[in-house]
């Protein structure tokens, strides 16, 4: 089976139960009880100690997935990752290294050709969907960029992104090579 080929890592202690056999894609096999814990299975990759597939409690956050993967590597850039996001079953959680351009990987996100940037994103004309694919920019920050652009006019420099609510120095550094005016 395909799941037997994956490099499964030890389960988080939050998912271990004496009444559960093996967790596969969020379902329990070999359960001896009617109350079966629910799991999410995520793939943690990039700058972590032990990349791999992990089963976590349904309430797990991205930070829990990183912990399950042995913690971040010394060169991990956690500033571009939403550590508080809820881990979603089947999700790939990628932790980039400092200075690394985050690769766009299509998985749970529908493949829409005009949302994946083919070069630097023009912050003066980009849609919320186009901004949302940038590392560290979610729907809220994308909306804040557009609101700032509407209220103050076009950005004259990339550095003006630092004036947008939700974009601090670290996030600005991560975006600098990925955006243009």
C-alpha atoms as a PDB file:
ATOM      1  CA  UNK A   1       0.000   0.000   0.000  1.00  0.00           C
ATOM      2  CA  UNK A   2       1.123   3.579  -0.627  1.00  0.00           C
ATOM      3  CA  UNK A   3       0.948   4.541   3.051  1.00  0.00           C
ATOM      4  CA  UNK A   4       3.346   1.707   3.895  1.00  0.00           C
ATOM      5  CA  UNK A   5       5.935   3.426   1.686  1.00  0.00           C
ATOM      6  CA  UNK A   6       5.836   6.719   3.626  1.00  0.00           C
ATOM      7  CA  UNK A   7       8.508   7.483   6.246  1.00  0.00           C
ATOM      8  CA  UNK A   8       6.279   7.446   9.332  1.00  0.00           C
ATOM      9  CA  UNK A   9       7.802   8.984  12.414  1.00  0.00           C
ATOM     10  CA  UNK A  10       6.854   8.091  15.982  1.00  0.00           C
ATOM     11  CA  UNK A  11       3.485   9.431  17.010  1.00  0.00           C
ATOM     12  CA  UNK A  12       3.066  12.397  19.286  1.00  0.00           C
ATOM     13  CA  UNK A  13       2.206  11.409  22.851  1.00  0.00           C
ATOM     14  CA  UNK A  14      -1.109  13.181  22.345  1.00  0.00           C
ATOM     15  CA  UNK A  15      -2.090  10.509  19.826  1.00  0.00           C
ATOM     16  CA  UNK A  16      -0.925   7.361  21.584  1.00  0.00           C
ATOM     17  CA  UNK A  17      -3.667   5.193  23.066  1.00  0.00           C
ATOM     18  CA  UNK A  18      -3.761   1.595  24.210  1.00  0.00           C
ATOM     19  CA  UNK A  19      -7.095   1.118  22.466  1.00  0.00           C
ATOM     20  CA  UNK A  20      -5.891   2.131  19.019  1.00  0.00           C
ATOM     21  CA  UNK A  21      -3.934   0.044  16.557  1.00  0.00           C
ATOM     22  CA  UNK A  22      -2.571   2.115  13.686  1.00  0.00           C
ATOM     23  CA  UNK A  23      -3.725   5.554  12.584  1.00  0.00           C
ATOM     24  CA  UNK A  24      -3.983   5.822   8.834  1.00  0.00           C
ATOM     25  CA  UNK A  25      -5.130   9.083   7.243  1.00  0.00           C
ATOM     26  CA  UNK A  26      -7.176  10.103  10.228  1.00  0.00           C
ATOM     27  CA  UNK A  27      -8.952   6.820  10.958  1.00  0.00           C
ATOM     28  CA  UNK A  28      -8.194   4.133  13.505  1.00  0.00           C
ATOM     29  CA  UNK A  29      -7.588   0.514  12.575  1.00  0.00           C
ATOM     30  CA  UNK A  30      -7.785  -2.185  15.198  1.00  0.00           C
ATOM     31  CA  UNK A  31      -9.700  -0.100  17.736  1.00  0.00           C
ATOM     32  CA  UNK A  32     -11.111  -2.049  20.647  1.00  0.00           C
ATOM     33  CA  UNK A  33     -13.291   0.715  22.032  1.00  0.00           C
ATOM     34  CA  UNK A  34     -16.252   2.670  20.713  1.00  0.00           C
ATOM     35  CA  UNK A  35     -14.555   5.955  21.634  1.00  0.00           C
ATOM     36  CA  UNK A  36     -11.785   6.337  19.087  1.00  0.00           C
ATOM     37  CA  UNK A  37      -9.431   9.315  19.269  1.00  0.00           C
ATOM     38  CA  UNK A  38      -9.420  11.433  16.140  1.00  0.00           C
ATOM     39  CA  UNK A  39      -6.172  12.285  14.438  1.00  0.00           C
ATOM     40  CA  UNK A  40      -4.794  14.523  11.759  1.00  0.00           C
ATOM     41  CA  UNK A  41      -1.873  13.328   9.690  1.00  0.00           C
ATOM     42  CA  UNK A  42       0.557  16.000   8.484  1.00  0.00           C
ATOM     43  CA  UNK A  43       3.822  16.003   6.585  1.00  0.00           C
ATOM     44  CA  UNK A  44       6.435  18.258   8.203  1.00  0.00           C
ATOM     45  CA  UNK A  45       9.286  19.164   5.850  1.00  0.00           C
ATOM     46  CA  UNK A  46      12.125  21.626   5.542  1.00  0.00           C
ATOM     47  CA  UNK A  47      14.241  22.996   8.397  1.00  0.00           C
ATOM     48  CA  UNK A  48      13.187  20.610  11.176  1.00  0.00           C
ATOM     49  CA  UNK A  49      15.200  17.958  13.013  1.00  0.00           C
ATOM     50  CA  UNK A  50      13.274  14.935  11.663  1.00  0.00           C
ATOM     51  CA  UNK A  51      11.108  15.639   8.597  1.00  0.00           C
ATOM     52  CA  UNK A  52       8.340  13.115   8.107  1.00  0.00           C
ATOM     53  CA  UNK A  53       4.691  12.190   8.453  1.00  0.00           C
ATOM     54  CA  UNK A  54       3.168  12.683  11.900  1.00  0.00           C
ATOM     55  CA  UNK A  55      -0.172  11.800  13.495  1.00  0.00           C
ATOM     56  CA  UNK A  56      -1.393  14.510  15.857  1.00  0.00           C
ATOM     57  CA  UNK A  57      -4.499  15.231  17.899  1.00  0.00           C
ATOM     58  CA  UNK A  58      -7.192  17.088  15.954  1.00  0.00           C
ATOM     59  CA  UNK A  59      -6.626  20.139  18.158  1.00  0.00           C
ATOM     60  CA  UNK A  60      -2.923  20.294  17.224  1.00  0.00           C
ATOM     61  CA  UNK A  61      -1.354  23.493  15.933  1.00  0.00           C
ATOM     62  CA  UNK A  62       1.547  23.960  13.526  1.00  0.00           C
ATOM     63  CA  UNK A  63       3.853  24.469  16.520  1.00  0.00           C
ATOM     64  CA  UNK A  64       2.837  20.998  17.781  1.00  0.00           C
ATOM     65  CA  UNK A  65       3.726  19.488  14.399  1.00  0.00           C
ATOM     66  CA  UNK A  66       7.157  21.150  14.494  1.00  0.00           C
ATOM     67  CA  UNK A  67       7.695  19.820  18.023  1.00  0.00           C
ATOM     68  CA  UNK A  68       6.690  16.323  16.877  1.00  0.00           C
ATOM     69  CA  UNK A  69       9.318  16.639  14.117  1.00  0.00           C
ATOM     70  CA  UNK A  70      12.010  17.188  16.746  1.00  0.00           C
ATOM     71  CA  UNK A  71      11.806  20.976  16.731  1.00  0.00           C
ATOM     72  CA  UNK A  72      13.073  23.572  14.290  1.00  0.00           C
ATOM     73  CA  UNK A  73      16.598  23.382  12.886  1.00  0.00           C
ATOM     74  CA  UNK A  74      19.017  26.096  13.982  1.00  0.00           C
ATOM     75  CA  UNK A  75      18.641  27.861  10.621  1.00  0.00           C
ATOM     76  CA  UNK A  76      14.807  27.666  10.498  1.00  0.00           C
ATOM     77  CA  UNK A  77      12.933  30.860   9.641  1.00  0.00           C
ATOM     78  CA  UNK A  78       9.889  30.570  11.904  1.00  0.00           C
ATOM     79  CA  UNK A  79       8.912  34.197  11.248  1.00  0.00           C
ATOM     80  CA  UNK A  80       7.286  33.210   7.949  1.00  0.00           C
ATOM     81  CA  UNK A  81       5.265  30.351   9.447  1.00  0.00           C
ATOM     82  CA  UNK A  82       1.967  30.777  11.287  1.00  0.00           C
ATOM     83  CA  UNK A  83       2.785  28.702  14.347  1.00  0.00           C
ATOM     84  CA  UNK A  84      -0.717  29.154  15.760  1.00  0.00           C
ATOM     85  CA  UNK A  85      -2.524  27.766  12.702  1.00  0.00           C
ATOM     86  CA  UNK A  86      -4.553  24.600  13.252  1.00  0.00           C
ATOM     87  CA  UNK A  87      -2.950  21.544  11.673  1.00  0.00           C
ATOM     88  CA  UNK A  88      -5.165  20.216   8.885  1.00  0.00           C
ATOM     89  CA  UNK A  89      -5.360  16.537   7.939  1.00  0.00           C
ATOM     90  CA  UNK A  90      -3.248  15.871   4.848  1.00  0.00           C
ATOM     91  CA  UNK A  91      -1.423  19.201   5.109  1.00  0.00           C
ATOM     92  CA  UNK A  92       2.228  19.715   4.203  1.00  0.00           C
ATOM     93  CA  UNK A  93       3.887  22.032   6.727  1.00  0.00           C
ATOM     94  CA  UNK A  94       7.084  23.464   5.268  1.00  0.00           C
ATOM     95  CA  UNK A  95       9.633  25.248   7.463  1.00  0.00           C
ATOM     96  CA  UNK A  96      12.040  27.300   5.318  1.00  0.00           C
ATOM     97  CA  UNK A  97      15.616  28.160   6.191  1.00  0.00           C
ATOM     98  CA  UNK A  98      16.549  31.796   6.814  1.00  0.00           C
ATOM     99  CA  UNK A  99      16.858  33.488   3.410  1.00  0.00           C
ATOM    100  CA  UNK A 100      15.197  30.627   1.533  1.00  0.00           C
ATOM    101  CA  UNK A 101      12.486  31.407  -0.972  1.00  0.00           C
ATOM    102  CA  UNK A 102       9.564  29.192  -0.020  1.00  0.00           C
ATOM    103  CA  UNK A 103       8.637  26.839  -2.860  1.00  0.00           C
ATOM    104  CA  UNK A 104       4.988  26.916  -3.878  1.00  0.00           C
ATOM    105  CA  UNK A 105       3.626  23.386  -3.554  1.00  0.00           C
ATOM    106  CA  UNK A 106       0.121  22.644  -4.658  1.00  0.00           C
ATOM    107  CA  UNK A 107      -1.628  20.205  -2.367  1.00  0.00           C
ATOM    108  CA  UNK A 108      -4.776  21.083  -0.453  1.00  0.00           C
ATOM    109  CA  UNK A 109      -4.986  24.378  -2.347  1.00  0.00           C
ATOM    110  CA  UNK A 110      -6.812  24.251  -5.681  1.00  0.00           C
ATOM    111  CA  UNK A 111      -4.413  24.619  -8.594  1.00  0.00           C
ATOM    112  CA  UNK A 112      -5.290  27.996 -10.081  1.00  0.00           C
ATOM    113  CA  UNK A 113      -2.756  29.210 -12.601  1.00  0.00           C
ATOM    114  CA  UNK A 114      -3.128  32.924 -11.885  1.00  0.00           C
ATOM    115  CA  UNK A 115      -2.584  32.627  -8.116  1.00  0.00           C
ATOM    116  CA  UNK A 116       0.887  31.055  -8.174  1.00  0.00           C
ATOM    117  CA  UNK A 117       3.469  33.792  -8.735  1.00  0.00           C
ATOM    118  CA  UNK A 118       5.747  33.246 -11.733  1.00  0.00           C
ATOM    119  CA  UNK A 119       7.994  36.090 -10.617  1.00  0.00           C
ATOM    120  CA  UNK A 120       7.966  38.953  -8.158  1.00  0.00           C
ATOM    121  CA  UNK A 121       4.430  39.970  -7.153  1.00  0.00           C
ATOM    122  CA  UNK A 122       3.541  43.593  -7.909  1.00  0.00           C
ATOM    123  CA  UNK A 123       2.104  44.824  -4.615  1.00  0.00           C
ATOM    124  CA  UNK A 124       0.339  47.696  -6.399  1.00  0.00           C
ATOM    125  CA  UNK A 125      -1.760  45.469  -8.644  1.00  0.00           C
ATOM    126  CA  UNK A 126      -1.865  42.052  -6.951  1.00  0.00           C
ATOM    127  CA  UNK A 127      -5.179  40.563  -5.873  1.00  0.00           C
ATOM    128  CA  UNK A 128      -5.731  39.204  -2.368  1.00  0.00           C
ATOM    129  CA  UNK A 129      -5.290  35.657  -3.729  1.00  0.00           C
ATOM    130  CA  UNK A 130      -1.959  36.575  -5.340  1.00  0.00           C
ATOM    131  CA  UNK A 131      -0.715  38.196  -2.125  1.00  0.00           C
ATOM    132  CA  UNK A 132      -1.960  35.267  -0.036  1.00  0.00           C
ATOM    133  CA  UNK A 133       0.523  32.828  -1.625  1.00  0.00           C
ATOM    134  CA  UNK A 134       3.494  34.847  -0.351  1.00  0.00           C
ATOM    135  CA  UNK A 135       5.231  33.376   2.710  1.00  0.00           C
ATOM    136  CA  UNK A 136       3.837  34.800   5.935  1.00  0.00           C
ATOM    137  CA  UNK A 137       0.991  36.578   4.143  1.00  0.00           C
ATOM    138  CA  UNK A 138      -2.422  35.161   4.893  1.00  0.00           C
ATOM    139  CA  UNK A 139      -5.868  36.515   4.069  1.00  0.00           C
ATOM    140  CA  UNK A 140      -5.740  39.128   6.848  1.00  0.00           C
ATOM    141  CA  UNK A 141      -2.355  40.543   5.831  1.00  0.00           C
ATOM    142  CA  UNK A 142      -3.330  40.466   2.131  1.00  0.00           C
ATOM    143  CA  UNK A 143      -6.463  42.470   2.968  1.00  0.00           C
ATOM    144  CA  UNK A 144      -4.349  44.911   5.019  1.00  0.00           C
ATOM    145  CA  UNK A 145      -1.972  45.434   2.064  1.00  0.00           C
ATOM    146  CA  UNK A 146      -4.875  46.164  -0.274  1.00  0.00           C
ATOM    147  CA  UNK A 147      -6.554  48.456   2.280  1.00  0.00           C
ATOM    148  CA  UNK A 148      -3.294  50.380   2.769  1.00  0.00           C
ATOM    149  CA  UNK A 149      -2.896  50.685  -1.007  1.00  0.00           C
ATOM    150  CA  UNK A 150      -6.456  52.019  -1.374  1.00  0.00           C
ATOM    151  CA  UNK A 151      -6.122  54.457   1.526  1.00  0.00           C
ATOM    152  CA  UNK A 152      -2.615  55.804   0.820  1.00  0.00           C
ATOM    153  CA  UNK A 153      -2.214  55.247  -2.918  1.00  0.00           C
ATOM    154  CA  UNK A 154       0.288  53.002  -4.692  1.00  0.00           C
ATOM    155  CA  UNK A 155       3.413  51.873  -2.886  1.00  0.00           C
ATOM    156  CA  UNK A 156       6.461  53.816  -4.044  1.00  0.00           C
ATOM    157  CA  UNK A 157       8.969  51.318  -2.589  1.00  0.00           C
ATOM    158  CA  UNK A 158       8.874  47.763  -1.265  1.00  0.00           C
ATOM    159  CA  UNK A 159      10.062  49.110   2.108  1.00  0.00           C
ATOM    160  CA  UNK A 160       6.679  50.875   2.504  1.00  0.00           C
ATOM    161  CA  UNK A 161       5.187  47.437   3.172  1.00  0.00           C
ATOM    162  CA  UNK A 162       6.592  47.951   6.677  1.00  0.00           C
ATOM    163  CA  UNK A 163       3.841  50.561   7.187  1.00  0.00           C
ATOM    164  CA  UNK A 164       1.147  47.890   6.733  1.00  0.00           C
ATOM    165  CA  UNK A 165      -0.439  46.469   9.877  1.00  0.00           C
ATOM    166  CA  UNK A 166       0.884  42.945  10.424  1.00  0.00           C
ATOM    167  CA  UNK A 167       4.159  43.358   8.537  1.00  0.00           C
ATOM    168  CA  UNK A 168       7.169  43.749  10.781  1.00  0.00           C
ATOM    169  CA  UNK A 169      10.874  43.867   9.944  1.00  0.00           C
ATOM    170  CA  UNK A 170      11.290  40.069   9.751  1.00  0.00           C
ATOM    171  CA  UNK A 171       8.304  39.587   7.453  1.00  0.00           C
ATOM    172  CA  UNK A 172       9.429  42.523   5.300  1.00  0.00           C
ATOM    173  CA  UNK A 173      12.877  40.907   4.950  1.00  0.00           C
ATOM    174  CA  UNK A 174      11.247  37.615   3.911  1.00  0.00           C
ATOM    175  CA  UNK A 175       9.097  39.396   1.293  1.00  0.00           C
ATOM    176  CA  UNK A 176      11.697  41.810  -0.076  1.00  0.00           C
ATOM    177  CA  UNK A 177      12.937  39.554  -2.914  1.00  0.00           C
ATOM    178  CA  UNK A 178       9.460  38.242  -3.753  1.00  0.00           C
ATOM    179  CA  UNK A 179       7.620  41.513  -4.375  1.00  0.00           C
ATOM    180  CA  UNK A 180       8.018  44.578  -6.551  1.00  0.00           C
ATOM    181  CA  UNK A 181       6.308  47.954  -7.117  1.00  0.00           C
END
